């Protein structure tokens, strides 16, 4: 049976990654929140995951977006529909952009085991 060892960090130091700079492209516009339910499990985001959100007023096709609608924060996906970008809820009907205030987009997810 083989043995497991720890890497030689002095030798590997040049290859170490700074987690903060990797996850936060715009540190002053970013924040982190904890996923409180399993509504996004279909896209691999689970209850208890930490979600990194970058504040942004505009969204791009394919973004997972945090919006404020009817006094609730909801995650939606930005999709193309008849030449326009719509925000489609993972749980309910479509949310029109005029009904939702965009808070930001998901830039990363952190999961602790």
Protein backbone atom coordinates (compact mmCIF):
# COMPACT_ATOMS: atom_id res chain seq x y z
CA UNK A 1 0.00 0.00 0.00
CA UNK A 2 1.32 3.46 -0.91
CA UNK A 3 1.71 6.36 1.45
CA UNK A 4 0.15 9.77 1.23
CA UNK A 5 2.26 12.80 1.85
CA UNK A 6 1.97 16.53 1.81
CA UNK A 7 3.41 18.50 -1.08
CA UNK A 8 6.64 20.39 -0.61
CA UNK A 9 5.17 23.90 -0.34
CA UNK A 10 8.49 25.66 -0.76
CA UNK A 11 8.85 23.99 -4.13
CA UNK A 12 5.20 24.52 -5.06
CA UNK A 13 4.84 28.09 -3.75
CA UNK A 14 5.14 29.61 -7.21
CA UNK A 15 2.06 27.61 -8.29
CA UNK A 16 -0.18 28.54 -5.36
CA UNK A 17 -3.35 30.41 -6.23
CA UNK A 18 -4.79 33.33 -4.30
CA UNK A 19 -8.42 32.33 -3.80
CA UNK A 20 -9.62 35.91 -3.30
CA UNK A 21 -8.17 37.23 -6.56
CA UNK A 22 -9.41 34.13 -8.42
CA UNK A 23 -13.02 34.47 -7.23
CA UNK A 24 -13.39 38.25 -7.05
CA UNK A 25 -12.80 39.96 -10.38
CA UNK A 26 -14.19 43.24 -9.05
CA UNK A 27 -13.65 43.11 -5.28
CA UNK A 28 -15.39 46.44 -4.58
CA UNK A 29 -18.58 45.35 -6.36
CA UNK A 30 -18.71 41.81 -4.97
CA UNK A 31 -20.36 40.19 -1.99
CA UNK A 32 -21.04 36.68 -0.77
CA UNK A 33 -24.25 35.10 0.48
CA UNK A 34 -25.22 31.63 1.64
CA UNK A 35 -27.75 29.60 -0.35
CA UNK A 36 -30.68 29.01 2.00
CA UNK A 37 -32.62 26.48 -0.06
CA UNK A 38 -32.21 23.98 -2.89
CA UNK A 39 -33.92 26.05 -5.61
CA UNK A 40 -30.75 26.08 -7.75
CA UNK A 41 -29.81 22.41 -7.32
CA UNK A 42 -30.70 21.80 -10.99
CA UNK A 43 -27.64 23.89 -11.93
CA UNK A 44 -25.38 22.47 -9.23
CA UNK A 45 -25.79 25.13 -6.54
CA UNK A 46 -26.82 23.45 -3.30
CA UNK A 47 -28.27 24.54 0.03
CA UNK A 48 -25.39 25.83 2.18
CA UNK A 49 -23.15 26.82 -0.76
CA UNK A 50 -21.57 30.28 -0.64
CA UNK A 51 -22.45 32.31 -3.71
CA UNK A 52 -20.25 35.13 -4.94
CA UNK A 53 -22.28 37.89 -6.55
CA UNK A 54 -20.93 40.85 -8.49
CA UNK A 55 -23.18 43.91 -8.34
CA UNK A 56 -24.16 44.85 -11.84
CA UNK A 57 -27.09 46.73 -13.39
CA UNK A 58 -26.94 44.94 -16.75
CA UNK A 59 -26.94 41.24 -17.55
CA UNK A 60 -25.73 39.08 -20.40
CA UNK A 61 -27.40 36.10 -22.02
CA UNK A 62 -26.66 33.03 -19.88
CA UNK A 63 -25.98 34.90 -16.63
CA UNK A 64 -27.50 33.63 -13.38
CA UNK A 65 -28.89 36.83 -11.88
CA UNK A 66 -29.98 37.91 -8.41
CA UNK A 67 -33.03 40.18 -8.70
CA UNK A 68 -35.35 41.90 -6.26
CA UNK A 69 -39.01 41.46 -7.13
CA UNK A 70 -42.08 41.89 -4.90
CA UNK A 71 -39.76 42.44 -1.90
CA UNK A 72 -38.12 39.01 -2.43
CA UNK A 73 -34.65 38.17 -3.69
CA UNK A 74 -34.85 35.59 -6.48
CA UNK A 75 -32.26 33.93 -8.72
CA UNK A 76 -33.16 33.89 -12.41
CA UNK A 77 -31.43 33.05 -15.67
CA UNK A 78 -30.98 35.60 -18.44
CA UNK A 79 -32.22 34.04 -21.70
CA UNK A 80 -32.90 35.15 -25.24
CA UNK A 81 -36.55 35.18 -26.34
CA UNK A 82 -37.68 36.71 -29.64
CA UNK A 83 -34.59 38.89 -29.82
CA UNK A 84 -34.91 40.20 -26.27
CA UNK A 85 -33.26 39.22 -23.01
CA UNK A 86 -35.75 37.91 -20.47
CA UNK A 87 -35.19 36.77 -16.91
CA UNK A 88 -36.56 33.26 -16.37
CA UNK A 89 -37.19 32.07 -12.83
CA UNK A 90 -36.00 28.62 -11.78
CA UNK A 91 -39.19 28.13 -9.74
CA UNK A 92 -42.06 30.13 -11.29
CA UNK A 93 -43.12 31.91 -14.47
CA UNK A 94 -40.96 34.36 -16.42
CA UNK A 95 -40.06 37.61 -14.69
CA UNK A 96 -40.08 40.61 -16.96
CA UNK A 97 -37.15 42.98 -16.54
CA UNK A 98 -39.53 45.85 -15.78
CA UNK A 99 -40.78 43.92 -12.71
CA UNK A 100 -37.35 43.05 -11.35
CA UNK A 101 -34.48 45.13 -10.03
CA UNK A 102 -31.17 43.51 -10.98
CA UNK A 103 -28.86 43.23 -7.97
CA UNK A 104 -26.00 41.34 -9.63
CA UNK A 105 -24.80 38.14 -11.28
CA UNK A 106 -23.33 34.98 -9.83
CA UNK A 107 -19.57 34.90 -10.43
CA UNK A 108 -18.69 31.84 -8.36
CA UNK A 109 -19.75 29.21 -5.85
CA UNK A 110 -17.83 27.87 -2.86
CA UNK A 111 -18.74 24.57 -1.23
CA UNK A 112 -17.28 23.23 1.97
CA UNK A 113 -17.27 19.47 2.58
